[in-house]
Amino acid sequence: MADLEQEAAWRTEFEADGERAVHDTIYRGSGIYPDPKRSFALRWLREKEVERERQEQKMHSYVRRTFWAAVAAVIVGIVGVLVTWFAR
């Protein structure tokens, strides 16, 4: 149970510091995290990376749907103009 409480405290600390600060501490800093905290920091960074990739995929899907909706709107507009023009 103490491990879960410790990890929760580390998670809170990492969230407050931000991904860049945690990354820099691990890879460019003096390596001030003790080994268990460093291992958890690496897992936490991976979780953040997976979360970011999921968000990017959602955004890509949204942009693709928006593009096709715009294409459909242009086609409907052209058809409407042609119908109006030929109905005269």
PDB file of N, CA and C in Angstrom:
ATOM      1  N   MET A   1       0.822  -1.198   0.000  1.00  0.00           N
ATOM      2  CA  MET A   1       0.000   0.000   0.000  1.00  0.00           C
ATOM      3  C   MET A   1       0.863   1.258   0.000  1.00  0.00           C
ATOM      4  N   ALA A   2       1.971   1.184   0.705  1.00  0.00           N
ATOM      5  CA  ALA A   2       2.873   2.334   0.748  1.00  0.00           C
ATOM      6  C   ALA A   2       3.405   2.661  -0.640  1.00  0.00           C
ATOM      7  N   ASP A   3       3.628   1.622  -1.457  1.00  0.00           N
ATOM      8  CA  ASP A   3       4.113   1.853  -2.820  1.00  0.00           C
ATOM      9  C   ASP A   3       3.097   2.630  -3.637  1.00  0.00           C
ATOM     10  N   LEU A   4       1.817   2.270  -3.498  1.00  0.00           N
ATOM     11  CA  LEU A   4       0.773   2.979  -4.236  1.00  0.00           C
ATOM     12  C   LEU A   4       0.675   4.432  -3.784  1.00  0.00           C
ATOM     13  N   GLU A   5       0.801   4.649  -2.486  1.00  0.00           N
ATOM     14  CA  GLU A   5       0.767   6.019  -1.975  1.00  0.00           C
ATOM     15  C   GLU A   5       1.972   6.806  -2.475  1.00  0.00           C
ATOM     16  N   GLN A   6       3.122   6.155  -2.503  1.00  0.00           N
ATOM     17  CA  GLN A   6       4.340   6.810  -2.986  1.00  0.00           C
ATOM     18  C   GLN A   6       4.208   7.147  -4.466  1.00  0.00           C
ATOM     19  N   GLU A   7       3.689   6.201  -5.249  1.00  0.00           N
ATOM     20  CA  GLU A   7       3.508   6.453  -6.684  1.00  0.00           C
ATOM     21  C   GLU A   7       2.498   7.561  -6.921  1.00  0.00           C
ATOM     22  N   ALA A   8       1.448   7.613  -6.107  1.00  0.00           N
ATOM     23  CA  ALA A   8       0.464   8.694  -6.235  1.00  0.00           C
ATOM     24  C   ALA A   8       1.119  10.044  -5.952  1.00  0.00           C
ATOM     25  N   ALA A   9       1.991  10.083  -4.957  1.00  0.00           N
ATOM     26  CA  ALA A   9       2.704  11.331  -4.642  1.00  0.00           C
ATOM     27  C   ALA A   9       3.635  11.713  -5.792  1.00  0.00           C
ATOM     28  N   TRP A  10       4.340  10.732  -6.341  1.00  0.00           N
ATOM     29  CA  TRP A  10       5.222  11.012  -7.473  1.00  0.00           C
ATOM     30  C   TRP A  10       4.429  11.499  -8.682  1.00  0.00           C
ATOM     31  N   ARG A  11       3.286  10.841  -8.932  1.00  0.00           N
ATOM     32  CA  ARG A  11       2.442  11.235 -10.065  1.00  0.00           C
ATOM     33  C   ARG A  11       2.016  12.699  -9.915  1.00  0.00           C
ATOM     34  N   THR A  12       1.605  13.066  -8.706  1.00  0.00           N
ATOM     35  CA  THR A  12       1.206  14.453  -8.442  1.00  0.00           C
ATOM     36  C   THR A  12       2.378  15.403  -8.681  1.00  0.00           C
ATOM     37  N   GLU A  13       3.546  15.008  -8.214  1.00  0.00           N
ATOM     38  CA  GLU A  13       4.744  15.817  -8.409  1.00  0.00           C
ATOM     39  C   GLU A  13       5.066  15.967  -9.897  1.00  0.00           C
ATOM     40  N   PHE A  14       5.001  14.865 -10.638  1.00  0.00           N
ATOM     41  CA  PHE A  14       5.314  14.910 -12.071  1.00  0.00           C
ATOM     42  C   PHE A  14       4.296  15.751 -12.829  1.00  0.00           C
ATOM     43  N   GLU A  15       3.025  15.614 -12.454  1.00  0.00           N
ATOM     44  CA  GLU A  15       1.989  16.422 -13.113  1.00  0.00           C
ATOM     45  C   GLU A  15       2.258  17.906 -12.882  1.00  0.00           C
ATOM     46  N   ALA A  16       2.669  18.258 -11.662  1.00  0.00           N
ATOM     47  CA  ALA A  16       2.957  19.663 -11.350  1.00  0.00           C
ATOM     48  C   ALA A  16       4.190  20.150 -12.106  1.00  0.00           C
ATOM     49  N   ASP A  17       5.211  19.298 -12.207  1.00  0.00           N
ATOM     50  CA  ASP A  17       6.445  19.693 -12.894  1.00  0.00           C
ATOM     51  C   ASP A  17       6.280  19.729 -14.405  1.00  0.00           C
ATOM     52  N   GLY A  18       5.505  18.804 -14.946  1.00  0.00           N
ATOM     53  CA  GLY A  18       5.306  18.728 -16.387  1.00  0.00           C
ATOM     54  C   GLY A  18       6.222  17.716 -17.036  1.00  0.00           C
ATOM     55  N   GLU A  19       5.795  17.261 -18.208  1.00  0.00           N
ATOM     56  CA  GLU A  19       6.543  16.224 -18.931  1.00  0.00           C
ATOM     57  C   GLU A  19       7.969  16.658 -19.256  1.00  0.00           C
ATOM     58  N   ARG A  20       8.117  17.872 -19.745  1.00  0.00           N
ATOM     59  CA  ARG A  20       9.440  18.332 -20.177  1.00  0.00           C
ATOM     60  C   ARG A  20      10.420  18.325 -19.008  1.00  0.00           C
ATOM     61  N   ALA A  21       9.986  18.809 -17.851  1.00  0.00           N
ATOM     62  CA  ALA A  21      10.877  18.860 -16.686  1.00  0.00           C
ATOM     63  C   ALA A  21      11.263  17.457 -16.234  1.00  0.00           C
ATOM     64  N   VAL A  22      10.298  16.540 -16.213  1.00  0.00           N
ATOM     65  CA  VAL A  22      10.592  15.164 -15.807  1.00  0.00           C
ATOM     66  C   VAL A  22      11.547  14.521 -16.809  1.00  0.00           C
ATOM     67  N   HIS A  23      11.273  14.705 -18.077  1.00  0.00           N
ATOM     68  CA  HIS A  23      12.138  14.159 -19.129  1.00  0.00           C
ATOM     69  C   HIS A  23      13.561  14.707 -18.994  1.00  0.00           C
ATOM     70  N   ASP A  24      13.660  16.015 -18.835  1.00  0.00           N
ATOM     71  CA  ASP A  24      14.978  16.628 -18.722  1.00  0.00           C
ATOM     72  C   ASP A  24      15.726  16.138 -17.489  1.00  0.00           C
ATOM     73  N   THR A  25      15.022  15.949 -16.391  1.00  0.00           N
ATOM     74  CA  THR A  25      15.666  15.455 -15.175  1.00  0.00           C
ATOM     75  C   THR A  25      16.234  14.064 -15.390  1.00  0.00           C
ATOM     76  N   ILE A  26      15.484  13.218 -16.112  1.00  0.00           N
ATOM     77  CA  ILE A  26      15.936  11.845 -16.335  1.00  0.00           C
ATOM     78  C   ILE A  26      17.081  11.789 -17.344  1.00  0.00           C
ATOM     79  N   TYR A  27      16.928  12.477 -18.453  1.00  0.00           N
ATOM     80  CA  TYR A  27      17.861  12.300 -19.567  1.00  0.00           C
ATOM     81  C   TYR A  27      18.969  13.335 -19.649  1.00  0.00           C
ATOM     82  N   ARG A  28      18.767  14.526 -19.112  1.00  0.00           N
ATOM     83  CA  ARG A  28      19.785  15.558 -19.243  1.00  0.00           C
ATOM     84  C   ARG A  28      20.274  16.075 -17.905  1.00  0.00           C
ATOM     85  N   GLY A  29      19.485  15.798 -16.882  1.00  0.00           N
ATOM     86  CA  GLY A  29      19.831  16.304 -15.557  1.00  0.00           C
ATOM     87  C   GLY A  29      20.871  15.443 -14.886  1.00  0.00           C
ATOM     88  N   SER A  30      21.000  15.693 -13.633  1.00  0.00           N
ATOM     89  CA  SER A  30      22.004  14.966 -12.867  1.00  0.00           C
ATOM     90  C   SER A  30      21.500  13.598 -12.432  1.00  0.00           C
ATOM     91  N   GLY A  31      20.301  13.227 -12.882  1.00  0.00           N
ATOM     92  CA  GLY A  31      19.755  11.927 -12.506  1.00  0.00           C
ATOM     93  C   GLY A  31      19.420  11.872 -11.031  1.00  0.00           C
ATOM     94  N   ILE A  32      18.782  12.940 -10.535  1.00  0.00           N
ATOM     95  CA  ILE A  32      18.556  13.059  -9.098  1.00  0.00           C
ATOM     96  C   ILE A  32      17.463  12.131  -8.574  1.00  0.00           C
ATOM     97  N   TYR A  33      16.699  11.527  -9.464  1.00  0.00           N
ATOM     98  CA  TYR A  33      15.661  10.608  -9.000  1.00  0.00           C
ATOM     99  C   TYR A  33      16.310   9.304  -8.547  1.00  0.00           C
ATOM    100  N   PRO A  34      15.937   8.821  -7.365  1.00  0.00           N
ATOM    101  CA  PRO A  34      16.404   7.485  -6.977  1.00  0.00           C
ATOM    102  C   PRO A  34      15.784   6.436  -7.899  1.00  0.00           C
ATOM    103  N   ASP A  35      16.353   5.247  -7.925  1.00  0.00           N
ATOM    104  CA  ASP A  35      15.950   4.234  -8.906  1.00  0.00           C
ATOM    105  C   ASP A  35      14.455   3.936  -8.937  1.00  0.00           C
ATOM    106  N   PRO A  36      13.759   3.697  -7.827  1.00  0.00           N
ATOM    107  CA  PRO A  36      12.319   3.412  -7.937  1.00  0.00           C
ATOM    108  C   PRO A  36      11.542   4.589  -8.526  1.00  0.00           C
ATOM    109  N   LYS A  37      11.926   5.794  -8.149  1.00  0.00           N
ATOM    110  CA  LYS A  37      11.244   6.981  -8.673  1.00  0.00           C
ATOM    111  C   LYS A  37      11.563   7.164 -10.149  1.00  0.00           C
ATOM    112  N   ARG A  38      12.795   6.878 -10.529  1.00  0.00           N
ATOM    113  CA  ARG A  38      13.196   6.980 -11.940  1.00  0.00           C
ATOM    114  C   ARG A  38      12.409   5.985 -12.788  1.00  0.00           C
ATOM    115  N   SER A  39      12.267   4.758 -12.300  1.00  0.00           N
ATOM    116  CA  SER A  39      11.489   3.744 -13.028  1.00  0.00           C
ATOM    117  C   SER A  39      10.043   4.185 -13.186  1.00  0.00           C
ATOM    118  N   PHE A  40       9.474   4.723 -12.120  1.00  0.00           N
ATOM    119  CA  PHE A  40       8.096   5.206 -12.198  1.00  0.00           C
ATOM    120  C   PHE A  40       8.002   6.394 -13.149  1.00  0.00           C
ATOM    121  N   ALA A  41       9.012   7.267 -13.129  1.00  0.00           N
ATOM    122  CA  ALA A  41       9.006   8.428 -14.031  1.00  0.00           C
ATOM    123  C   ALA A  41       9.013   7.974 -15.490  1.00  0.00           C
ATOM    124  N   LEU A  42       9.777   6.944 -15.793  1.00  0.00           N
ATOM    125  CA  LEU A  42       9.802   6.420 -17.162  1.00  0.00           C
ATOM    126  C   LEU A  42       8.435   5.854 -17.553  1.00  0.00           C
ATOM    127  N   ARG A  43       7.797   5.134 -16.643  1.00  0.00           N
ATOM    128  CA  ARG A  43       6.438   4.615 -16.920  1.00  0.00           C
ATOM    129  C   ARG A  43       5.459   5.757 -17.108  1.00  0.00           C
ATOM    130  N   TRP A  44       5.562   6.776 -16.263  1.00  0.00           N
ATOM    131  CA  TRP A  44       4.663   7.923 -16.337  1.00  0.00           C
ATOM    132  C   TRP A  44       4.835   8.656 -17.667  1.00  0.00           C
ATOM    133  N   LEU A  45       6.090   8.822 -18.094  1.00  0.00           N
ATOM    134  CA  LEU A  45       6.337   9.477 -19.385  1.00  0.00           C
ATOM    135  C   LEU A  45       5.749   8.661 -20.529  1.00  0.00           C
ATOM    136  N   ARG A  46       5.853   7.335 -20.452  1.00  0.00           N
ATOM    137  CA  ARG A  46       5.277   6.475 -21.489  1.00  0.00           C
ATOM    138  C   ARG A  46       3.755   6.601 -21.511  1.00  0.00           C
ATOM    139  N   GLU A  47       3.136   6.642 -20.329  1.00  0.00           N
ATOM    140  CA  GLU A  47       1.684   6.840 -20.260  1.00  0.00           C
ATOM    141  C   GLU A  47       1.290   8.154 -20.932  1.00  0.00           C
ATOM    142  N   LYS A  48       2.059   9.202 -20.671  1.00  0.00           N
ATOM    143  CA  LYS A  48       1.778  10.503 -21.276  1.00  0.00           C
ATOM    144  C   LYS A  48       1.940  10.450 -22.791  1.00  0.00           C
ATOM    145  N   GLU A  49       2.943   9.721 -23.249  1.00  0.00           N
ATOM    146  CA  GLU A  49       3.172   9.583 -24.689  1.00  0.00           C
ATOM    147  C   GLU A  49       2.002   8.853 -25.347  1.00  0.00           C
ATOM    148  N   VAL A  50       1.545   7.781 -24.719  1.00  0.00           N
ATOM    149  CA  VAL A  50       0.411   7.019 -25.259  1.00  0.00           C
ATOM    150  C   VAL A  50      -0.836   7.898 -25.285  1.00  0.00           C
ATOM    151  N   GLU A  51      -1.046   8.659 -24.214  1.00  0.00           N
ATOM    152  CA  GLU A  51      -2.190   9.567 -24.143  1.00  0.00           C
ATOM    153  C   GLU A  51      -2.131  10.617 -25.248  1.00  0.00           C
ATOM    154  N   ARG A  52      -0.937  11.166 -25.484  1.00  0.00           N
ATOM    155  CA  ARG A  52      -0.761  12.171 -26.538  1.00  0.00           C
ATOM    156  C   ARG A  52      -1.016  11.565 -27.920  1.00  0.00           C
ATOM    157  N   GLU A  53      -0.527  10.344 -28.150  1.00  0.00           N
ATOM    158  CA  GLU A  53      -0.763   9.676 -29.437  1.00  0.00           C
ATOM    159  C   GLU A  53      -2.252   9.431 -29.650  1.00  0.00           C
ATOM    160  N   ARG A  54      -2.957   9.043 -28.596  1.00  0.00           N
ATOM    161  CA  ARG A  54      -4.402   8.823 -28.697  1.00  0.00           C
ATOM    162  C   ARG A  54      -5.115  10.123 -29.058  1.00  0.00           C
ATOM    163  N   GLN A  55      -4.702  11.226 -28.429  1.00  0.00           N
ATOM    164  CA  GLN A  55      -5.291  12.520 -28.743  1.00  0.00           C
ATOM    165  C   GLN A  55      -5.000  12.931 -30.188  1.00  0.00           C
ATOM    166  N   GLU A  56      -3.789  12.668 -30.652  1.00  0.00           N
ATOM    167  CA  GLU A  56      -3.431  13.005 -32.029  1.00  0.00           C
ATOM    168  C   GLU A  56      -4.257  12.198 -33.023  1.00  0.00           C
ATOM    169  N   GLN A  57      -4.508  10.927 -32.706  1.00  0.00           N
ATOM    170  CA  GLN A  57      -5.344  10.106 -33.594  1.00  0.00           C
ATOM    171  C   GLN A  57      -6.773  10.622 -33.620  1.00  0.00           C
ATOM    172  N   LYS A  58      -7.282  11.039 -32.462  1.00  0.00           N
ATOM    173  CA  LYS A  58      -8.631  11.610 -32.415  1.00  0.00           C
ATOM    174  C   LYS A  58      -8.702  12.881 -33.261  1.00  0.00           C
ATOM    175  N   MET A  59      -7.674  13.720 -33.131  1.00  0.00           N
ATOM    176  CA  MET A  59      -7.646  14.969 -33.881  1.00  0.00           C
ATOM    177  C   MET A  59      -7.560  14.689 -35.374  1.00  0.00           C
ATOM    178  N   HIS A  60      -6.740  13.730 -35.757  1.00  0.00           N
ATOM    179  CA  HIS A  60      -6.613  13.366 -37.167  1.00  0.00           C
ATOM    180  C   HIS A  60      -7.954  12.873 -37.717  1.00  0.00           C
ATOM    181  N   SER A  61      -8.640  12.059 -36.948  1.00  0.00           N
ATOM    182  CA  SER A  61      -9.949  11.560 -37.358  1.00  0.00           C
ATOM    183  C   SER A  61     -10.945  12.719 -37.500  1.00  0.00           C
ATOM    184  N   TYR A  62     -10.929  13.646 -36.562  1.00  0.00           N
ATOM    185  CA  TYR A  62     -11.815  14.803 -36.608  1.00  0.00           C
ATOM    186  C   TYR A  62     -11.538  15.651 -37.844  1.00  0.00           C
ATOM    187  N   VAL A  63     -10.265  15.897 -38.132  1.00  0.00           N
ATOM    188  CA  VAL A  63      -9.902  16.705 -39.302  1.00  0.00           C
ATOM    189  C   VAL A  63     -10.352  16.008 -40.580  1.00  0.00           C
ATOM    190  N   ARG A  64     -10.160  14.695 -40.645  1.00  0.00           N
ATOM    191  CA  ARG A  64     -10.571  13.948 -41.834  1.00  0.00           C
ATOM    192  C   ARG A  64     -12.088  14.029 -42.033  1.00  0.00           C
ATOM    193  N   ARG A  65     -12.854  13.848 -40.961  1.00  0.00           N
ATOM    194  CA  ARG A  65     -14.325  13.943 -41.070  1.00  0.00           C
ATOM    195  C   ARG A  65     -14.752  15.347 -41.476  1.00  0.00           C
ATOM    196  N   THR A  66     -14.092  16.354 -40.912  1.00  0.00           N
ATOM    197  CA  THR A  66     -14.420  17.741 -41.249  1.00  0.00           C
ATOM    198  C   THR A  66     -14.111  18.024 -42.716  1.00  0.00           C
ATOM    199  N   PHE A  67     -12.995  17.510 -43.206  1.00  0.00           N
ATOM    200  CA  PHE A  67     -12.646  17.688 -44.613  1.00  0.00           C
ATOM    201  C   PHE A  67     -13.719  17.089 -45.517  1.00  0.00           C
ATOM    202  N   TRP A  68     -14.126  15.840 -45.229  1.00  0.00           N
ATOM    203  CA  TRP A  68     -15.119  15.200 -46.081  1.00  0.00           C
ATOM    204  C   TRP A  68     -16.487  15.867 -45.966  1.00  0.00           C
ATOM    205  N   ALA A  69     -16.803  16.423 -44.810  1.00  0.00           N
ATOM    206  CA  ALA A  69     -18.049  17.182 -44.672  1.00  0.00           C
ATOM    207  C   ALA A  69     -18.002  18.440 -45.530  1.00  0.00           C
ATOM    208  N   ALA A  70     -16.845  19.085 -45.569  1.00  0.00           N
ATOM    209  CA  ALA A  70     -16.697  20.272 -46.405  1.00  0.00           C
ATOM    210  C   ALA A  70     -16.799  19.917 -47.883  1.00  0.00           C
ATOM    211  N   VAL A  71     -16.198  18.802 -48.285  1.00  0.00           N
ATOM    212  CA  VAL A  71     -16.296  18.354 -49.677  1.00  0.00           C
ATOM    213  C   VAL A  71     -17.754  18.067 -50.028  1.00  0.00           C
ATOM    214  N   ALA A  72     -18.464  17.403 -49.136  1.00  0.00           N
ATOM    215  CA  ALA A  72     -19.879  17.100 -49.380  1.00  0.00           C
ATOM    216  C   ALA A  72     -20.690  18.396 -49.497  1.00  0.00           C
ATOM    217  N   ALA A  73     -20.394  19.384 -48.662  1.00  0.00           N
ATOM    218  CA  ALA A  73     -21.110  20.654 -48.722  1.00  0.00           C
ATOM    219  C   ALA A  73     -20.865  21.368 -50.048  1.00  0.00           C
ATOM    220  N   VAL A  74     -19.657  21.313 -50.548  1.00  0.00           N
ATOM    221  CA  VAL A  74     -19.344  21.928 -51.843  1.00  0.00           C
ATOM    222  C   VAL A  74     -20.112  21.220 -52.953  1.00  0.00           C
ATOM    223  N   ILE A  75     -20.150  19.903 -52.905  1.00  0.00           N
ATOM    224  CA  ILE A  75     -20.876  19.141 -53.928  1.00  0.00           C
ATOM    225  C   ILE A  75     -22.362  19.472 -53.890  1.00  0.00           C
ATOM    226  N   VAL A  76     -22.933  19.522 -52.696  1.00  0.00           N
ATOM    227  CA  VAL A  76     -24.356  19.876 -52.563  1.00  0.00           C
ATOM    228  C   VAL A  76     -24.586  21.285 -53.094  1.00  0.00           C
ATOM    229  N   GLY A  77     -23.678  22.197 -52.801  1.00  0.00           N
ATOM    230  CA  GLY A  77     -23.814  23.563 -53.305  1.00  0.00           C
ATOM    231  C   GLY A  77     -23.776  23.621 -54.820  1.00  0.00           C
ATOM    232  N   ILE A  78     -22.860  22.895 -55.432  1.00  0.00           N
ATOM    233  CA  ILE A  78     -22.754  22.865 -56.896  1.00  0.00           C
ATOM    234  C   ILE A  78     -24.013  22.270 -57.503  1.00  0.00           C
ATOM    235  N   VAL A  79     -24.481  21.172 -56.933  1.00  0.00           N
ATOM    236  CA  VAL A  79     -25.725  20.549 -57.433  1.00  0.00           C
ATOM    237  C   VAL A  79     -26.882  21.530 -57.304  1.00  0.00           C
ATOM    238  N   GLY A  80     -26.955  22.241 -56.183  1.00  0.00           N
ATOM    239  CA  GLY A  80     -28.023  23.226 -55.996  1.00  0.00           C
ATOM    240  C   GLY A  80     -27.977  24.330 -57.023  1.00  0.00           C
ATOM    241  N   VAL A  81     -26.790  24.825 -57.320  1.00  0.00           N
ATOM    242  CA  VAL A  81     -26.646  25.877 -58.327  1.00  0.00           C
ATOM    243  C   VAL A  81     -27.040  25.348 -59.700  1.00  0.00           C
ATOM    244  N   LEU A  82     -26.595  24.122 -60.039  1.00  0.00           N
ATOM    245  CA  LEU A  82     -26.943  23.553 -61.344  1.00  0.00           C
ATOM    246  C   LEU A  82     -28.450  23.325 -61.477  1.00  0.00           C
ATOM    247  N   VAL A  83     -29.074  22.816 -60.431  1.00  0.00           N
ATOM    248  CA  VAL A  83     -30.537  22.596 -60.469  1.00  0.00           C
ATOM    249  C   VAL A  83     -31.251  23.933 -60.634  1.00  0.00           C
ATOM    250  N   THR A  84     -30.829  24.951 -59.917  1.00  0.00           N
ATOM    251  CA  THR A  84     -31.451  26.270 -60.027  1.00  0.00           C
ATOM    252  C   THR A  84     -31.226  26.846 -61.419  1.00  0.00           C
ATOM    253  N   TRP A  85     -30.049  26.672 -61.953  1.00  0.00           N
ATOM    254  CA  TRP A  85     -29.726  27.226 -63.262  1.00  0.00           C
ATOM    255  C   TRP A  85     -30.516  26.537 -64.364  1.00  0.00           C
ATOM    256  N   PHE A  86     -30.623  25.199 -64.296  1.00  0.00           N
ATOM    257  CA  PHE A  86     -31.353  24.473 -65.351  1.00  0.00           C
ATOM    258  C   PHE A  86     -32.869  24.523 -65.178  1.00  0.00           C
ATOM    259  N   ALA A  87     -33.339  24.901 -64.010  1.00  0.00           N
ATOM    260  CA  ALA A  87     -34.785  24.949 -63.772  1.00  0.00           C
ATOM    261  C   ALA A  87     -35.410  26.208 -64.356  1.00  0.00           C
ATOM    262  N   ARG A  88     -34.630  27.135 -64.804  1.00  0.00           N
ATOM    263  CA  ARG A  88     -35.159  28.380 -65.347  1.00  0.00           C
ATOM    264  C   ARG A  88     -35.836  28.160 -66.633  1.00  0.00           C
TER     265      ARG A  88
END
